[in-house]
Amino acid sequence: MLKLHFAPNSRAERILWLLEELELPYELNEMAFHPSDLKSDEHRARHPLGRIPVLDDGDIQIWESGAITEYIIEKYKNGGLKPDVQSELFPQYLQWFHYCEGMIMPPMNTIVVHTVLLPPDRRADIMLGHSCYMSNRMGCVTDEMKNIKAYVERLSSRPAFLKMTEHRPS
């Protein structure tokens, strides 16, 4: 039987949804999306970085949600949820399958890290923050862009940012 190591509000939801869509029997090991569970010795034995999802299928253990999705689709539904490799739709299928991780999820990861995972004193994104600050300074951030204005204000009031500005020429 399939066993999914899962935490809510994570990429593991993709796999749980897929298992439900395919009506496959599975066991769920629900974990907290917290280092106490994810970084435990028990879970690191499943995934060395303490990440989820992890899928057990007998003696096979696989992680990374995209890899798990492809594995389940191929093994349990004979490729029925994707076009055949000879189909003219197959390249588009691959493109969109991988697009989400390559283009959509990276900014989502940044948002999660800087709004949930990091302690408040470490939530300054230097690269993006400086870009927003400079855009604002050059007049590219309009008053309608309230969230960016507020973000720039929070960044510019940080002690480390203020110390950096001491090195600007007068």
N, C-alpha and C. Protein backbone atom coordinates (compact mmCIF):
# COMPACT_ATOMS: atom_id res chain seq x y z
N MET A 1 0.85 -1.18 0.00
CA MET A 1 0.00 0.00 0.00
C MET A 1 0.89 1.24 0.00
N LEU A 2 0.40 2.27 -0.66
CA LEU A 2 1.11 3.54 -0.69
C LEU A 2 0.99 4.22 0.67
N LYS A 3 2.08 4.85 1.07
CA LYS A 3 2.06 5.63 2.31
C LYS A 3 2.63 7.00 1.99
N LEU A 4 1.84 8.04 2.27
CA LEU A 4 2.26 9.41 2.01
C LEU A 4 2.60 10.09 3.32
N HIS A 5 3.82 10.59 3.40
CA HIS A 5 4.25 11.41 4.53
C HIS A 5 3.90 12.84 4.14
N PHE A 6 3.04 13.45 4.93
CA PHE A 6 2.28 14.62 4.51
C PHE A 6 2.23 15.67 5.61
N ALA A 7 2.26 16.93 5.20
CA ALA A 7 1.94 18.04 6.10
C ALA A 7 1.00 18.98 5.34
N PRO A 8 -0.02 19.48 6.01
CA PRO A 8 -0.95 20.38 5.33
C PRO A 8 -0.26 21.67 4.89
N ASN A 9 -0.86 22.33 3.91
CA ASN A 9 -0.35 23.59 3.37
C ASN A 9 1.05 23.47 2.82
N SER A 10 1.30 22.38 2.13
CA SER A 10 2.60 22.13 1.53
C SER A 10 2.39 21.47 0.17
N ARG A 11 3.49 21.23 -0.53
CA ARG A 11 3.40 20.54 -1.81
C ARG A 11 2.88 19.11 -1.66
N ALA A 12 2.91 18.59 -0.46
CA ALA A 12 2.36 17.25 -0.22
C ALA A 12 0.87 17.20 -0.54
N GLU A 13 0.20 18.35 -0.49
CA GLU A 13 -1.21 18.38 -0.85
C GLU A 13 -1.43 17.96 -2.30
N ARG A 14 -0.46 18.27 -3.16
CA ARG A 14 -0.56 17.84 -4.57
C ARG A 14 -0.72 16.32 -4.65
N ILE A 15 0.07 15.64 -3.86
CA ILE A 15 0.09 14.18 -3.92
C ILE A 15 -1.19 13.61 -3.31
N LEU A 16 -1.60 14.15 -2.20
CA LEU A 16 -2.85 13.69 -1.59
C LEU A 16 -4.01 13.89 -2.55
N TRP A 17 -4.07 15.02 -3.20
CA TRP A 17 -5.11 15.30 -4.19
C TRP A 17 -5.05 14.28 -5.32
N LEU A 18 -3.86 14.00 -5.83
CA LEU A 18 -3.70 13.02 -6.91
C LEU A 18 -4.16 11.63 -6.47
N LEU A 19 -3.78 11.22 -5.28
CA LEU A 19 -4.22 9.91 -4.77
C LEU A 19 -5.73 9.83 -4.69
N GLU A 20 -6.34 10.90 -4.24
CA GLU A 20 -7.80 10.94 -4.15
C GLU A 20 -8.43 10.92 -5.54
N GLU A 21 -7.90 11.71 -6.47
CA GLU A 21 -8.43 11.74 -7.84
C GLU A 21 -8.39 10.37 -8.49
N LEU A 22 -7.31 9.65 -8.23
CA LEU A 22 -7.13 8.33 -8.84
C LEU A 22 -7.80 7.22 -8.03
N GLU A 23 -8.37 7.60 -6.88
CA GLU A 23 -9.04 6.65 -6.00
C GLU A 23 -8.13 5.50 -5.61
N LEU A 24 -6.87 5.84 -5.34
CA LEU A 24 -5.90 4.82 -4.92
C LEU A 24 -5.94 4.68 -3.41
N PRO A 25 -5.82 3.45 -2.91
CA PRO A 25 -5.74 3.27 -1.46
C PRO A 25 -4.38 3.75 -0.96
N TYR A 26 -4.38 4.40 0.19
CA TYR A 26 -3.13 4.91 0.74
C TYR A 26 -3.26 5.06 2.25
N GLU A 27 -2.12 5.12 2.87
CA GLU A 27 -2.04 5.43 4.30
C GLU A 27 -1.42 6.81 4.40
N LEU A 28 -1.90 7.62 5.31
CA LEU A 28 -1.40 8.98 5.46
C LEU A 28 -0.68 9.13 6.79
N ASN A 29 0.58 9.56 6.72
CA ASN A 29 1.33 9.91 7.92
C ASN A 29 1.33 11.42 8.00
N GLU A 30 0.34 11.95 8.72
CA GLU A 30 0.21 13.40 8.80
C GLU A 30 1.18 13.95 9.84
N MET A 31 1.97 14.92 9.38
CA MET A 31 3.01 15.52 10.20
C MET A 31 2.73 17.02 10.32
N ALA A 32 3.31 17.63 11.32
CA ALA A 32 3.22 19.09 11.44
C ALA A 32 4.24 19.71 10.49
N PHE A 33 3.87 20.80 9.87
CA PHE A 33 4.80 21.55 9.03
C PHE A 33 5.66 22.39 9.97
N HIS A 34 6.51 21.68 10.69
CA HIS A 34 7.32 22.30 11.74
C HIS A 34 8.59 21.48 11.91
N PRO A 35 9.69 22.13 12.22
CA PRO A 35 10.95 21.39 12.38
C PRO A 35 10.88 20.23 13.37
N SER A 36 10.00 20.32 14.38
CA SER A 36 9.91 19.22 15.35
C SER A 36 9.56 17.91 14.66
N ASP A 37 8.76 17.96 13.60
CA ASP A 37 8.43 16.75 12.84
C ASP A 37 9.36 16.57 11.65
N LEU A 38 9.51 17.64 10.86
CA LEU A 38 10.23 17.52 9.60
C LEU A 38 11.73 17.29 9.77
N LYS A 39 12.30 17.82 10.82
CA LYS A 39 13.75 17.67 11.02
C LYS A 39 14.08 16.58 12.04
N SER A 40 13.08 15.80 12.39
CA SER A 40 13.31 14.70 13.33
C SER A 40 14.20 13.64 12.67
N ASP A 41 14.90 12.89 13.49
CA ASP A 41 15.75 11.81 12.97
C ASP A 41 14.93 10.82 12.16
N GLU A 42 13.72 10.53 12.64
CA GLU A 42 12.85 9.58 11.94
C GLU A 42 12.53 10.07 10.53
N HIS A 43 12.18 11.33 10.40
CA HIS A 43 11.82 11.83 9.07
C HIS A 43 13.06 12.04 8.21
N ARG A 44 14.17 12.46 8.80
CA ARG A 44 15.40 12.63 8.00
C ARG A 44 15.90 11.30 7.45
N ALA A 45 15.50 10.21 8.05
CA ALA A 45 15.83 8.90 7.48
C ALA A 45 15.06 8.69 6.18
N ARG A 46 13.91 9.33 6.06
CA ARG A 46 13.12 9.26 4.83
C ARG A 46 13.61 10.28 3.81
N HIS A 47 13.90 11.47 4.24
CA HIS A 47 14.35 12.56 3.36
C HIS A 47 15.49 13.28 4.09
N PRO A 48 16.69 13.26 3.53
CA PRO A 48 17.84 13.80 4.25
C PRO A 48 17.73 15.29 4.59
N LEU A 49 16.93 16.04 3.84
CA LEU A 49 16.76 17.46 4.14
C LEU A 49 15.54 17.73 5.01
N GLY A 50 14.80 16.67 5.36
CA GLY A 50 13.63 16.84 6.20
C GLY A 50 12.50 17.55 5.49
N ARG A 51 12.27 17.23 4.23
CA ARG A 51 11.23 17.87 3.44
C ARG A 51 10.08 16.89 3.19
N ILE A 52 8.99 17.43 2.71
CA ILE A 52 7.85 16.62 2.33
C ILE A 52 7.39 17.08 0.96
N PRO A 53 6.70 16.28 0.24
CA PRO A 53 6.20 14.94 0.55
C PRO A 53 7.26 13.87 0.35
N VAL A 54 6.99 12.74 0.98
CA VAL A 54 7.73 11.50 0.74
C VAL A 54 6.67 10.43 0.53
N LEU A 55 6.88 9.59 -0.47
CA LEU A 55 5.95 8.50 -0.75
C LEU A 55 6.68 7.19 -0.60
N ASP A 56 6.07 6.29 0.16
CA ASP A 56 6.56 4.91 0.26
C ASP A 56 5.64 4.04 -0.57
N ASP A 57 6.23 3.21 -1.40
CA ASP A 57 5.48 2.24 -2.21
C ASP A 57 6.23 0.93 -2.07
N GLY A 58 5.87 0.17 -1.03
CA GLY A 58 6.62 -1.05 -0.73
C GLY A 58 8.06 -0.69 -0.38
N ASP A 59 9.01 -1.26 -1.10
CA ASP A 59 10.43 -0.99 -0.85
C ASP A 59 10.91 0.30 -1.52
N ILE A 60 10.07 0.93 -2.30
CA ILE A 60 10.45 2.15 -3.00
C ILE A 60 10.07 3.35 -2.15
N GLN A 61 11.02 4.27 -2.04
CA GLN A 61 10.74 5.53 -1.37
C GLN A 61 11.17 6.64 -2.32
N ILE A 62 10.27 7.59 -2.54
CA ILE A 62 10.54 8.65 -3.50
C ILE A 62 10.06 9.97 -2.91
N TRP A 63 10.82 11.02 -3.17
CA TRP A 63 10.42 12.36 -2.74
C TRP A 63 10.58 13.33 -3.88
N GLU A 64 10.09 14.53 -3.67
CA GLU A 64 9.92 15.60 -4.66
C GLU A 64 8.55 15.40 -5.30
N SER A 65 7.70 16.39 -5.13
CA SER A 65 6.31 16.23 -5.54
C SER A 65 6.16 15.98 -7.04
N GLY A 66 6.96 16.61 -7.87
CA GLY A 66 6.88 16.36 -9.31
C GLY A 66 7.26 14.94 -9.66
N ALA A 67 8.33 14.44 -9.04
CA ALA A 67 8.76 13.07 -9.29
C ALA A 67 7.70 12.08 -8.80
N ILE A 68 7.13 12.35 -7.64
CA ILE A 68 6.09 11.47 -7.11
C ILE A 68 4.87 11.48 -8.04
N THR A 69 4.50 12.65 -8.52
CA THR A 69 3.35 12.75 -9.44
C THR A 69 3.60 11.92 -10.69
N GLU A 70 4.77 12.09 -11.32
CA GLU A 70 5.07 11.32 -12.52
C GLU A 70 5.08 9.82 -12.22
N TYR A 71 5.65 9.44 -11.09
CA TYR A 71 5.73 8.03 -10.69
C TYR A 71 4.32 7.43 -10.57
N ILE A 72 3.45 8.12 -9.84
CA ILE A 72 2.10 7.60 -9.63
C ILE A 72 1.33 7.52 -10.95
N ILE A 73 1.42 8.57 -11.76
CA ILE A 73 0.70 8.57 -13.04
C ILE A 73 1.16 7.41 -13.92
N GLU A 74 2.44 7.18 -13.98
CA GLU A 74 2.96 6.09 -14.83
C GLU A 74 2.65 4.72 -14.25
N LYS A 75 2.91 4.55 -12.96
CA LYS A 75 2.80 3.21 -12.38
C LYS A 75 1.36 2.78 -12.16
N TYR A 76 0.50 3.71 -11.76
CA TYR A 76 -0.84 3.30 -11.34
C TYR A 76 -1.94 3.61 -12.33
N LYS A 77 -1.71 4.45 -13.28
CA LYS A 77 -2.77 4.74 -14.25
C LYS A 77 -2.24 4.62 -15.67
N ASN A 78 -1.13 3.92 -15.82
CA ASN A 78 -0.60 3.60 -17.14
C ASN A 78 -0.50 4.83 -18.03
N GLY A 79 -0.09 5.95 -17.43
CA GLY A 79 0.06 7.17 -18.21
C GLY A 79 -1.25 7.81 -18.61
N GLY A 80 -2.37 7.35 -18.06
CA GLY A 80 -3.68 7.81 -18.50
C GLY A 80 -3.99 9.27 -18.22
N LEU A 81 -3.24 9.92 -17.36
CA LEU A 81 -3.52 11.32 -17.07
C LEU A 81 -2.61 12.27 -17.84
N LYS A 82 -1.86 11.73 -18.77
CA LYS A 82 -0.99 12.58 -19.58
C LYS A 82 -1.00 12.06 -21.01
N PRO A 83 -0.67 12.93 -21.95
CA PRO A 83 -0.64 12.48 -23.34
C PRO A 83 0.48 11.47 -23.57
N ASP A 84 0.29 10.60 -24.51
CA ASP A 84 1.32 9.66 -24.92
C ASP A 84 2.53 10.44 -25.43
N VAL A 85 3.69 9.88 -25.25
CA VAL A 85 4.92 10.56 -25.67
C VAL A 85 4.92 10.88 -27.16
N GLN A 86 4.19 10.14 -27.95
CA GLN A 86 4.11 10.40 -29.39
C GLN A 86 3.07 11.46 -29.75
N SER A 87 2.27 11.86 -28.80
CA SER A 87 1.21 12.84 -29.07
C SER A 87 1.81 14.23 -29.30
N GLU A 88 1.16 14.99 -30.16
CA GLU A 88 1.60 16.37 -30.39
C GLU A 88 1.39 17.23 -29.15
N LEU A 89 0.58 16.77 -28.20
CA LEU A 89 0.34 17.50 -26.95
C LEU A 89 1.39 17.23 -25.88
N PHE A 90 2.19 16.18 -26.08
CA PHE A 90 3.16 15.79 -25.05
C PHE A 90 4.15 16.91 -24.71
N PRO A 91 4.74 17.61 -25.68
CA PRO A 91 5.66 18.69 -25.32
C PRO A 91 4.99 19.79 -24.49
N GLN A 92 3.74 20.13 -24.83
CA GLN A 92 3.04 21.14 -24.03
C GLN A 92 2.76 20.63 -22.63
N TYR A 93 2.39 19.36 -22.52
CA TYR A 93 2.17 18.75 -21.21
C TYR A 93 3.42 18.90 -20.35
N LEU A 94 4.57 18.53 -20.91
CA LEU A 94 5.82 18.64 -20.17
C LEU A 94 6.12 20.08 -19.78
N GLN A 95 5.93 20.97 -20.73
CA GLN A 95 6.21 22.38 -20.46
C GLN A 95 5.41 22.89 -19.27
N TRP A 96 4.10 22.65 -19.28
CA TRP A 96 3.26 23.16 -18.20
C TRP A 96 3.45 22.38 -16.91
N PHE A 97 3.77 21.10 -17.02
CA PHE A 97 4.05 20.29 -15.82
C PHE A 97 5.22 20.90 -15.05
N HIS A 98 6.26 21.29 -15.78
CA HIS A 98 7.47 21.80 -15.12
C HIS A 98 7.44 23.31 -14.90
N TYR A 99 6.58 24.01 -15.62
CA TYR A 99 6.49 25.46 -15.48
C TYR A 99 6.15 25.86 -14.05
N CYS A 100 5.25 25.14 -13.43
CA CYS A 100 4.82 25.53 -12.08
C CYS A 100 5.98 25.57 -11.10
N GLU A 101 6.85 24.58 -11.15
CA GLU A 101 7.98 24.56 -10.22
C GLU A 101 9.06 25.57 -10.60
N GLY A 102 9.25 25.75 -11.90
CA GLY A 102 10.31 26.63 -12.34
C GLY A 102 9.97 28.11 -12.27
N MET A 103 8.70 28.45 -12.46
CA MET A 103 8.34 29.85 -12.57
C MET A 103 7.34 30.34 -11.51
N ILE A 104 6.44 29.49 -11.10
CA ILE A 104 5.41 29.94 -10.17
C ILE A 104 5.81 29.71 -8.71
N MET A 105 6.37 28.56 -8.42
CA MET A 105 6.67 28.24 -7.03
C MET A 105 7.85 29.02 -6.43
N PRO A 106 8.89 29.39 -7.19
CA PRO A 106 9.98 30.14 -6.54
C PRO A 106 9.52 31.42 -5.84
N PRO A 107 8.70 32.28 -6.48
CA PRO A 107 8.25 33.45 -5.72
C PRO A 107 7.36 33.07 -4.54
N MET A 108 6.57 31.99 -4.70
CA MET A 108 5.75 31.53 -3.58
C MET A 108 6.62 31.10 -2.42
N ASN A 109 7.72 30.40 -2.72
CA ASN A 109 8.65 29.99 -1.67
C ASN A 109 9.20 31.20 -0.93
N THR A 110 9.58 32.23 -1.67
CA THR A 110 10.10 33.44 -1.05
C THR A 110 9.07 34.06 -0.12
N ILE A 111 7.83 34.11 -0.58
CA ILE A 111 6.76 34.67 0.25
C ILE A 111 6.60 33.86 1.53
N VAL A 112 6.56 32.54 1.41
CA VAL A 112 6.39 31.68 2.60
C VAL A 112 7.56 31.85 3.56
N VAL A 113 8.77 31.84 3.04
CA VAL A 113 9.94 31.98 3.90
C VAL A 113 9.89 33.30 4.65
N HIS A 114 9.58 34.38 3.94
CA HIS A 114 9.65 35.71 4.54
C HIS A 114 8.40 36.13 5.30
N THR A 115 7.35 35.35 5.23
CA THR A 115 6.15 35.69 6.00
C THR A 115 5.79 34.65 7.05
N VAL A 116 6.36 33.43 6.94
CA VAL A 116 5.99 32.38 7.87
C VAL A 116 7.20 31.76 8.56
N LEU A 117 8.18 31.33 7.79
CA LEU A 117 9.24 30.50 8.34
C LEU A 117 10.32 31.27 9.10
N LEU A 118 10.76 32.39 8.58
CA LEU A 118 11.82 33.14 9.25
C LEU A 118 11.27 33.90 10.44
N PRO A 119 12.08 34.02 11.50
CA PRO A 119 11.65 34.90 12.59
C PRO A 119 11.59 36.34 12.08
N PRO A 120 10.75 37.17 12.67
CA PRO A 120 10.56 38.53 12.15
C PRO A 120 11.85 39.32 11.93
N ASP A 121 12.83 39.13 12.78
CA ASP A 121 14.06 39.93 12.62
C ASP A 121 14.92 39.49 11.44
N ARG A 122 14.57 38.38 10.78
CA ARG A 122 15.34 37.91 9.63
C ARG A 122 14.55 37.98 8.33
N ARG A 123 13.45 38.69 8.30
CA ARG A 123 12.59 38.72 7.12
C ARG A 123 12.93 39.85 6.14
N ALA A 124 14.20 40.26 6.06
CA ALA A 124 14.60 41.30 5.09
C ALA A 124 15.18 40.62 3.88
N ASP A 125 14.51 40.73 2.75
CA ASP A 125 15.00 40.16 1.50
C ASP A 125 15.87 41.22 0.82
N ILE A 126 17.16 41.06 0.93
CA ILE A 126 18.10 42.07 0.45
C ILE A 126 17.95 42.32 -1.05
N MET A 127 17.92 41.28 -1.86
CA MET A 127 17.86 41.46 -3.30
C MET A 127 16.56 42.13 -3.74
N LEU A 128 15.43 41.55 -3.35
CA LEU A 128 14.15 42.12 -3.74
C LEU A 128 13.92 43.45 -3.04
N GLY A 129 14.28 43.50 -1.75
CA GLY A 129 14.07 44.72 -0.99
C GLY A 129 14.81 45.91 -1.58
N HIS A 130 16.06 45.69 -1.96
CA HIS A 130 16.83 46.79 -2.54
C HIS A 130 16.24 47.21 -3.88
N SER A 131 15.79 46.24 -4.66
CA SER A 131 15.16 46.56 -5.94
C SER A 131 13.91 47.40 -5.74
N CYS A 132 13.09 47.02 -4.77
CA CYS A 132 11.88 47.81 -4.48
C CYS A 132 12.25 49.20 -3.97
N TYR A 133 13.25 49.25 -3.09
CA TYR A 133 13.70 50.54 -2.56
C TYR A 133 14.17 51.47 -3.67
N MET A 134 15.02 50.95 -4.56
CA MET A 134 15.54 51.77 -5.65
C MET A 134 14.43 52.17 -6.62
N SER A 135 13.50 51.26 -6.89
CA SER A 135 12.38 51.59 -7.77
C SER A 135 11.55 52.72 -7.16
N ASN A 136 11.33 52.65 -5.87
CA ASN A 136 10.59 53.69 -5.17
C ASN A 136 11.36 55.00 -5.21
N ARG A 137 12.64 54.93 -4.94
CA ARG A 137 13.50 56.13 -4.92
C ARG A 137 13.51 56.82 -6.29
N MET A 138 13.41 56.05 -7.36
CA MET A 138 13.43 56.62 -8.71
C MET A 138 12.02 57.00 -9.19
N GLY A 139 11.02 56.87 -8.32
CA GLY A 139 9.68 57.30 -8.66
C GLY A 139 8.85 56.29 -9.44
N CYS A 140 9.32 55.06 -9.51
CA CYS A 140 8.59 54.03 -10.27
C CYS A 140 7.49 53.38 -9.46
N VAL A 141 7.49 53.56 -8.16
CA VAL A 141 6.46 52.97 -7.30
C VAL A 141 5.44 54.07 -7.02
N THR A 142 4.25 53.90 -7.55
CA THR A 142 3.21 54.91 -7.40
C THR A 142 2.50 54.76 -6.06
N ASP A 143 1.73 55.78 -5.70
CA ASP A 143 1.00 55.76 -4.44
C ASP A 143 -0.05 54.65 -4.39
N GLU A 144 -0.51 54.20 -5.57
CA GLU A 144 -1.48 53.10 -5.62
C GLU A 144 -0.85 51.78 -5.21
N MET A 145 0.46 51.70 -5.25
CA MET A 145 1.18 50.46 -4.91
C MET A 145 1.45 50.44 -3.40
N LYS A 146 0.36 50.42 -2.65
CA LYS A 146 0.44 50.57 -1.20
C LYS A 146 1.29 49.48 -0.52
N ASN A 147 1.17 48.25 -0.98
CA ASN A 147 1.94 47.16 -0.36
C ASN A 147 3.44 47.33 -0.57
N ILE A 148 3.81 47.73 -1.78
CA ILE A 148 5.24 47.94 -2.04
C ILE A 148 5.74 49.13 -1.23
N LYS A 149 4.95 50.20 -1.18
CA LYS A 149 5.32 51.38 -0.37
C LYS A 149 5.52 50.97 1.09
N ALA A 150 4.60 50.18 1.62
CA ALA A 150 4.71 49.75 3.02
C ALA A 150 5.94 48.86 3.23
N TYR A 151 6.21 47.99 2.27
CA TYR A 151 7.39 47.11 2.35
C TYR A 151 8.67 47.94 2.36
N VAL A 152 8.75 48.90 1.46
CA VAL A 152 9.94 49.77 1.39
C VAL A 152 10.09 50.53 2.71
N GLU A 153 8.99 51.00 3.25
CA GLU A 153 9.04 51.72 4.53
C GLU A 153 9.57 50.82 5.65
N ARG A 154 9.07 49.59 5.70
CA ARG A 154 9.56 48.65 6.74
C ARG A 154 11.04 48.37 6.57
N LEU A 155 11.46 48.13 5.32
CA LEU A 155 12.88 47.85 5.08
C LEU A 155 13.75 49.05 5.44
N SER A 156 13.31 50.26 5.03
CA SER A 156 14.14 51.44 5.25
C SER A 156 14.23 51.85 6.71
N SER A 157 13.38 51.29 7.54
CA SER A 157 13.46 51.62 8.96
C SER A 157 14.26 50.60 9.76
N ARG A 158 14.74 49.57 9.10
CA ARG A 158 15.52 48.56 9.80
C ARG A 158 16.88 49.14 10.20
N PRO A 159 17.37 48.83 11.40
CA PRO A 159 18.65 49.37 11.84
C PRO A 159 19.80 49.09 10.86
N ALA A 160 19.85 47.91 10.30
CA ALA A 160 20.94 47.59 9.36
C ALA A 160 20.85 48.43 8.10
N PHE A 161 19.63 48.69 7.63
CA PHE A 161 19.45 49.53 6.45
C PHE A 161 19.90 50.95 6.75
N LEU A 162 19.49 51.47 7.90
CA LEU A 162 19.88 52.83 8.28
C LEU A 162 21.40 52.96 8.42
N LYS A 163 22.03 51.92 8.95
CA LYS A 163 23.50 51.94 9.07
C LYS A 163 24.13 51.97 7.68
N MET A 164 23.56 51.23 6.75
CA MET A 164 24.08 51.23 5.38
C MET A 164 24.01 52.63 4.78
N THR A 165 22.93 53.35 5.07
CA THR A 165 22.77 54.68 4.45
C THR A 165 23.78 55.67 5.00
N GLU A 166 24.40 55.39 6.13
CA GLU A 166 25.42 56.28 6.67
C GLU A 166 26.64 56.37 5.75
N HIS A 167 26.79 55.40 4.87
CA HIS A 167 27.96 55.35 4.00
C HIS A 167 27.71 56.03 2.65
N ARG A 168 26.57 56.63 2.50
CA ARG A 168 26.28 57.36 1.26
C ARG A 168 26.93 58.74 1.34
N PRO A 169 27.39 59.22 0.20
CA PRO A 169 27.91 60.59 0.20
C PRO A 169 26.79 61.59 0.43
N SER A 170 27.12 62.64 1.06
CA SER A 170 26.12 63.68 1.38
C SER A 170 25.67 64.43 0.17
